[in-house]
Amino acid sequence: MHAQNLSVYLVITPGVLMLDYAGPAEALRMARDMGAPLTLHTCGPQADVPTSLGTQLGGLAPLPPALPPNSLVLITGNSHEREDYATPVAQQVVRWLQTAPQSDTRLASICSGALLLAMAGKLDGLRCTTHHSLMADLQALAPTAQVQADRIFVDDGQVLTSAGITTGIDLALYLIEQVAGAALAAQVARRLVMYVRRGPHDPQISPWLAHRNHMHPAIHRAQDAIAHSMAEDPARRWSLPELAQQACVSPRHLSRLFMQHTGISVVDYQQQLRMARARELLTRNPAWTQEQVAEACGFSSARDFRRVWQKWGSAPGGTPPAH
């Protein structure tokens, strides 16, 4: 489903804010190691750069003169952007942004990296955001941009911008979900011990990451089995004994532990993930019928889908599609 490889170029400039780089880079690296079709490159206008921590970051590849098809350029932020971005080295990145991207290249920024995109003319007329302390700077550099002051990150199609610092990880998880699916993004978030993932609109808890703010290994094994099957075989219906076997506990013990550590039952958890899957499919395929959605999400019938929708889907997802 997500077979095409995405080449990600993380662009580093002198004075890089380390968390802007390391947070998203580690999330993407973990996803790649878990099987996401990602190739990662760290590059910049010079091979060795000072960081916000006073240490050196070395071994950077040069900025490629041209980018291959299906690439994403991720501009990391800086700790003293007003001074750093006035340097000839930073302006080299601006010129590169004006020439290297291809028609299908996506651009993204962490924190003050949006200022470099604006200097290159890449945010003109677009919705975008940056760190809350830099809103006026961004608007001055891109007068026609629709600067969003209250967003974790903004996806305007070919260009994504984030508020910075820890929100770079939120943006990375969002990209991972686009490339490799929600289940793998949830696995990365769990490995990062980041159970509340914020989205491109209001802060929110993704259904794929909800009820994960516990540390019980047996429950995580059961949740992993459910999430994996929703991605690979949505029609799979887990019985309590089957899940208990995955969790290495008895069915009765699993039921008790699940409620204790997640606050909901095993059945309710499975239903919530099926509804999350249904909302994703309806977003991509608004003309689908209830029967098509029910079959794709593992419901026994359209009637069963409607019943569960009334329980879990109506608040976030509106009314189900017509027959």
Protein backbone atom coordinates (compact mmCIF):
# COMPACT_ATOMS: atom_id res chain seq x y z
CA MET A 1 0.00 0.00 0.00
CA HIS A 2 2.94 2.34 0.77
CA ALA A 3 5.59 0.82 -1.48
CA GLN A 4 7.17 3.89 -3.10
CA ASN A 5 10.38 4.96 -1.40
CA LEU A 6 10.61 8.53 -0.08
CA SER A 7 14.03 10.20 -0.02
CA VAL A 8 14.24 12.61 2.92
CA TYR A 9 16.93 15.30 2.94
CA LEU A 10 17.45 16.86 6.38
CA VAL A 11 19.16 20.20 5.81
CA ILE A 12 21.41 21.49 8.60
CA THR A 13 22.78 25.02 8.90
CA PRO A 14 25.37 26.35 11.39
CA GLY A 15 23.80 26.97 14.80
CA VAL A 16 21.23 24.17 14.36
CA LEU A 17 18.95 23.63 17.35
CA MET A 18 19.78 20.02 18.14
CA LEU A 19 16.28 18.91 19.12
CA ASP A 20 14.90 20.31 15.85
CA TYR A 21 17.23 17.92 14.05
CA ALA A 22 17.63 14.94 16.37
CA GLY A 23 13.94 14.53 17.28
CA PRO A 24 12.52 14.21 13.75
CA ALA A 25 15.63 12.44 12.48
CA GLU A 26 15.42 9.72 15.13
CA ALA A 27 11.68 9.23 14.53
CA LEU A 28 12.30 8.83 10.80
CA ARG A 29 15.30 6.58 11.41
CA MET A 30 13.25 4.32 13.69
CA ALA A 31 10.50 4.13 11.09
CA ARG A 32 13.02 3.20 8.41
CA ASP A 33 14.48 0.48 10.61
CA MET A 34 10.95 -0.85 11.21
CA GLY A 35 10.38 -1.18 7.46
CA ALA A 36 9.09 2.21 6.32
CA PRO A 37 10.15 2.96 2.71
CA LEU A 38 12.43 5.85 3.66
CA THR A 39 15.94 6.84 2.67
CA LEU A 40 17.53 9.46 4.93
CA HIS A 41 20.20 12.00 4.01
CA THR A 42 21.67 14.67 6.27
CA CYS A 43 23.21 17.49 4.28
CA GLY A 44 24.09 21.15 4.44
CA PRO A 45 26.15 23.97 2.98
CA GLN A 46 29.20 22.85 4.95
CA ALA A 47 30.37 19.47 6.23
CA ASP A 48 30.87 20.47 9.88
CA VAL A 49 28.61 22.87 11.77
CA PRO A 50 28.42 24.21 15.33
CA THR A 51 25.20 23.34 17.17
CA SER A 52 23.04 25.07 19.75
CA LEU A 53 24.75 23.01 22.46
CA GLY A 54 28.22 24.25 21.58
CA THR A 55 29.24 20.90 20.12
CA GLN A 56 30.11 20.15 16.51
CA LEU A 57 28.01 18.13 14.10
CA GLY A 58 30.16 16.61 11.38
CA GLY A 59 30.04 14.41 8.35
CA LEU A 60 27.23 16.27 6.57
CA ALA A 61 26.85 15.57 2.88
CA PRO A 62 26.88 18.54 0.49
CA LEU A 63 23.60 19.94 -0.76
CA PRO A 64 22.75 17.90 -3.88
CA PRO A 65 22.59 20.00 -7.05
CA ALA A 66 19.31 18.29 -7.98
CA LEU A 67 16.84 16.13 -6.09
CA PRO A 68 15.56 12.75 -7.25
CA PRO A 69 11.86 12.05 -7.82
CA ASN A 70 9.71 11.56 -4.71
CA SER A 71 11.87 13.58 -2.35
CA LEU A 72 11.13 15.58 0.78
CA VAL A 73 13.38 18.38 1.99
CA LEU A 74 13.22 19.00 5.75
CA ILE A 75 14.78 22.29 6.87
CA THR A 76 15.75 22.20 10.54
CA GLY A 77 15.66 25.25 12.80
CA ASN A 78 18.34 27.29 14.52
CA SER A 79 18.88 28.66 18.01
CA HIS A 80 19.75 32.23 16.93
CA GLU A 81 18.00 32.40 13.59
CA ARG A 82 18.08 36.18 13.07
CA GLU A 83 21.89 36.20 13.16
CA ASP A 84 22.42 32.74 11.68
CA TYR A 85 20.17 33.26 8.65
CA ALA A 86 21.88 36.53 7.70
CA THR A 87 25.13 34.68 6.97
CA PRO A 88 26.35 33.74 3.46
CA VAL A 89 26.16 30.06 4.42
CA ALA A 90 22.43 30.28 5.18
CA GLN A 91 21.82 32.28 2.03
CA GLN A 92 23.43 29.43 0.10
CA VAL A 93 20.60 27.21 1.38
CA VAL A 94 18.06 29.80 0.23
CA ARG A 95 19.49 29.78 -3.30
CA TRP A 96 19.58 25.98 -3.27
CA LEU A 97 15.90 25.87 -2.31
CA GLN A 98 15.12 28.00 -5.34
CA THR A 99 16.82 25.64 -7.81
CA ALA A 100 17.16 22.05 -6.50
CA PRO A 101 13.53 20.96 -5.80
CA GLN A 102 11.67 19.20 -8.61
CA SER A 103 7.97 19.51 -9.42
CA ASP A 104 7.10 16.62 -7.07
CA THR A 105 9.49 17.59 -4.24
CA ARG A 106 7.76 18.25 -0.93
CA LEU A 107 9.21 20.84 1.41
CA ALA A 108 8.99 20.88 5.18
CA SER A 109 10.42 22.91 8.02
CA ILE A 110 11.00 22.64 11.74
CA CYS A 111 10.67 25.81 13.82
CA SER A 112 12.66 28.70 12.32
CA GLY A 113 13.45 26.66 9.23
CA ALA A 114 10.25 28.19 7.85
CA LEU A 115 12.12 31.50 7.59
CA LEU A 116 14.52 29.96 5.06
CA LEU A 117 11.58 28.62 3.06
CA ALA A 118 10.05 32.11 3.12
CA MET A 119 13.32 33.72 1.98
CA ALA A 120 13.32 31.31 -0.96
CA GLY A 121 9.76 32.33 -1.88
CA LYS A 122 8.38 28.89 -1.10
CA LEU A 123 5.61 30.02 1.28
CA ASP A 124 4.01 32.72 -0.87
CA GLY A 125 0.23 32.37 -0.71
CA LEU A 126 0.40 29.23 1.44
CA ARG A 127 -0.84 28.36 4.92
CA CYS A 128 2.14 27.93 7.22
CA THR A 129 3.42 28.25 10.78
CA THR A 130 6.60 28.53 12.82
CA HIS A 131 7.67 29.02 16.44
CA HIS A 132 5.35 31.39 18.30
CA SER A 133 8.16 33.92 18.82
CA LEU A 134 8.80 34.18 15.06
CA MET A 135 5.30 34.78 13.68
CA ALA A 136 5.95 38.42 12.81
CA ASP A 137 9.30 37.57 11.21
CA LEU A 138 7.67 34.91 9.03
CA GLN A 139 4.86 37.21 7.96
CA ALA A 140 7.36 39.95 7.06
CA LEU A 141 9.37 37.54 4.91
CA ALA A 142 6.26 36.09 3.22
CA PRO A 143 3.63 38.89 3.18
CA THR A 144 1.14 36.86 1.14
CA ALA A 145 1.43 33.73 3.33
CA GLN A 146 -1.41 32.76 5.65
CA VAL A 147 0.59 32.44 8.86
CA GLN A 148 -1.23 30.25 11.40
CA ALA A 149 -0.51 31.30 14.98
CA ASP A 150 -2.14 28.44 16.87
CA ARG A 151 -1.07 25.32 15.02
CA ILE A 152 1.30 22.49 15.90
CA PHE A 153 2.05 22.03 12.22
CA VAL A 154 0.40 22.91 8.93
CA ASP A 155 0.11 20.71 5.84
CA ASP A 156 -0.54 22.76 2.70
CA GLY A 157 0.04 19.93 0.27
CA GLN A 158 3.54 20.30 -1.13
CA VAL A 159 4.77 22.32 1.86
CA LEU A 160 4.58 21.43 5.56
CA THR A 161 5.69 23.70 8.38
CA SER A 162 5.86 23.04 12.12
CA ALA A 163 5.94 25.18 15.24
CA GLY A 164 9.28 23.71 16.16
CA ILE A 165 11.19 22.06 18.99
CA THR A 166 9.13 18.99 20.04
CA THR A 167 6.54 19.58 17.30
CA GLY A 168 9.13 18.40 14.81
CA ILE A 169 8.50 14.91 16.17
CA ASP A 170 4.75 15.36 15.67
CA LEU A 171 5.44 16.32 12.07
CA ALA A 172 7.75 13.34 11.59
CA LEU A 173 5.08 10.94 12.91
CA TYR A 174 2.57 12.52 10.53
CA LEU A 175 4.96 11.94 7.61
CA ILE A 176 5.59 8.37 8.73
CA GLU A 177 1.85 7.71 8.79
CA GLN A 178 1.54 9.06 5.24
CA VAL A 179 4.40 6.91 3.97
CA ALA A 180 3.99 3.70 5.97
CA GLY A 181 0.57 3.75 7.64
CA ALA A 182 -0.88 4.59 11.03
CA ALA A 183 0.09 1.33 12.69
CA LEU A 184 3.80 1.81 12.06
CA ALA A 185 3.58 5.46 13.14
CA ALA A 186 2.02 4.24 16.39
CA GLN A 187 4.89 1.78 16.88
CA VAL A 188 7.43 4.58 16.43
CA ALA A 189 5.53 6.81 18.86
CA ARG A 190 5.48 4.01 21.40
CA ARG A 191 9.22 3.49 21.04
CA LEU A 192 9.70 7.21 21.59
CA VAL A 193 7.48 6.88 24.69
CA MET A 194 5.31 9.53 23.06
CA TYR A 195 1.75 8.40 23.53
CA VAL A 196 -0.10 11.65 22.84
CA ARG A 197 0.44 12.65 19.24
CA ARG A 198 -0.65 16.13 18.21
CA GLY A 199 -2.15 16.66 14.79
CA PRO A 200 -2.21 19.32 12.05
CA HIS A 201 -5.34 21.02 13.40
CA ASP A 202 -6.06 21.14 17.11
CA PRO A 203 -4.02 19.18 19.63
CA GLN A 204 -5.48 15.71 19.63
CA ILE A 205 -5.01 12.10 20.61
CA SER A 206 -4.81 9.85 17.58
CA PRO A 207 -7.05 6.78 17.94
CA TRP A 208 -4.00 4.69 17.01
CA LEU A 209 -2.05 6.10 19.94
CA ALA A 210 -4.85 6.52 22.48
CA HIS A 211 -4.96 4.20 25.50
CA ARG A 212 -1.21 3.65 25.23
CA ASN A 213 -0.16 5.75 28.22
CA HIS A 214 0.74 2.70 30.29
CA MET A 215 3.79 0.49 30.56
CA HIS A 216 2.25 -2.99 30.81
CA PRO A 217 3.99 -5.27 28.28
CA ALA A 218 1.14 -7.80 27.99
CA ILE A 219 -1.39 -5.11 27.09
CA HIS A 220 1.02 -3.56 24.59
CA ARG A 221 1.45 -6.98 22.95
CA ALA A 222 -2.32 -7.29 22.55
CA GLN A 223 -2.62 -3.72 21.24
CA ASP A 224 0.26 -4.28 18.81
CA ALA A 225 -1.45 -7.40 17.44
CA ILE A 226 -4.73 -5.51 16.87
CA ALA A 227 -3.03 -2.49 15.27
CA HIS A 228 -0.86 -4.67 13.01
CA SER A 229 -3.85 -6.65 11.74
CA MET A 230 -5.79 -3.43 11.08
CA ALA A 231 -2.98 -2.38 8.74
CA GLU A 232 -2.33 -5.76 7.11
CA ASP A 233 -5.63 -7.66 7.37
CA PRO A 234 -8.49 -5.37 8.50
CA ALA A 235 -11.03 -8.18 8.24
CA ARG A 236 -9.24 -10.10 11.00
CA ARG A 237 -11.49 -10.34 14.07
CA TRP A 238 -9.53 -11.14 17.22
CA SER A 239 -11.20 -13.31 19.82
CA LEU A 240 -10.30 -12.80 23.47
CA PRO A 241 -8.50 -16.18 23.71
CA GLU A 242 -6.43 -15.37 20.60
CA LEU A 243 -5.39 -12.01 22.00
CA ALA A 244 -4.67 -13.57 25.38
CA GLN A 245 -2.32 -15.99 23.64
CA GLN A 246 -0.51 -13.05 22.00
CA ALA A 247 -0.29 -11.31 25.38
CA CYS A 248 0.89 -14.49 27.16
CA VAL A 249 -1.82 -14.26 29.83
CA SER A 250 -5.17 -15.95 30.40
CA PRO A 251 -8.29 -14.46 28.72
CA ARG A 252 -9.79 -13.49 32.07
CA HIS A 253 -6.55 -11.85 33.18
CA LEU A 254 -6.26 -9.99 29.87
CA SER A 255 -9.76 -8.54 30.25
CA ARG A 256 -9.01 -7.36 33.75
CA LEU A 257 -5.59 -5.93 32.87
CA PHE A 258 -6.86 -4.23 29.72
CA MET A 259 -9.60 -2.37 31.57
CA GLN A 260 -7.27 -1.52 34.43
CA HIS A 261 -4.48 -0.07 32.28
CA THR A 262 -6.38 1.43 29.31
CA GLY A 263 -9.74 2.35 30.85
CA ILE A 264 -11.74 0.55 28.14
CA SER A 265 -12.55 -3.04 27.22
CA VAL A 266 -10.81 -5.10 24.57
CA VAL A 267 -13.94 -5.00 22.40
CA ASP A 268 -14.26 -1.23 22.69
CA TYR A 269 -10.59 -0.79 21.80
CA GLN A 270 -10.97 -2.87 18.65
CA GLN A 271 -14.11 -0.95 17.69
CA GLN A 272 -12.36 2.41 18.10
CA LEU A 273 -9.55 1.34 15.79
CA ARG A 274 -12.06 0.08 13.21
CA MET A 275 -13.80 3.45 13.34
CA ALA A 276 -10.45 5.22 12.91
CA ARG A 277 -9.85 3.08 9.86
CA ALA A 278 -13.34 3.89 8.56
CA ARG A 279 -12.78 7.63 8.91
CA GLU A 280 -9.47 7.36 7.05
CA LEU A 281 -11.10 5.46 4.20
CA LEU A 282 -14.03 7.88 3.98
CA THR A 283 -11.63 10.81 3.80
CA ARG A 284 -9.86 9.22 0.85
CA ASN A 285 -12.99 7.70 -0.74
CA PRO A 286 -16.00 9.93 0.08
CA ALA A 287 -18.20 8.14 -2.47
CA TRP A 288 -17.86 4.73 -0.81
CA THR A 289 -21.03 3.05 0.42
CA GLN A 290 -21.58 1.70 3.91
CA GLU A 291 -21.14 -1.82 2.56
CA GLN A 292 -17.75 -0.98 1.06
CA VAL A 293 -16.52 0.68 4.25
CA ALA A 294 -17.83 -2.15 6.42
CA GLU A 295 -16.04 -4.79 4.35
CA ALA A 296 -12.76 -2.83 4.24
CA CYS A 297 -12.76 -2.30 8.01
CA GLY A 298 -13.60 -5.84 9.07
CA PHE A 299 -17.22 -5.32 10.13
CA SER A 300 -19.52 -8.31 9.69
CA SER A 301 -22.13 -6.18 7.88
CA ALA A 302 -23.18 -2.64 7.06
CA ARG A 303 -25.67 -2.89 9.92
CA ASP A 304 -22.87 -3.77 12.33
CA PHE A 305 -20.87 -0.80 10.97
CA ARG A 306 -23.79 1.59 11.54
CA ARG A 307 -24.27 0.33 15.08
CA VAL A 308 -20.61 0.86 15.98
CA TRP A 309 -20.56 4.21 14.18
CA GLN A 310 -23.40 5.42 16.37
CA LYS A 311 -21.36 4.43 19.42
CA TRP A 312 -17.91 5.73 18.44
CA GLY A 313 -17.95 7.40 15.04
CA SER A 314 -20.63 10.06 15.22
CA ALA A 315 -18.77 12.61 17.38
CA PRO A 316 -15.55 12.89 15.35
CA GLY A 317 -16.77 11.64 12.01
CA GLY A 318 -20.30 12.91 11.41
CA THR A 319 -22.89 10.66 9.87
CA PRO A 320 -21.96 7.48 8.01
CA PRO A 321 -22.26 7.48 4.21
CA ALA A 322 -25.61 6.70 2.63
CA HIS A 323 -26.46 3.26 1.31
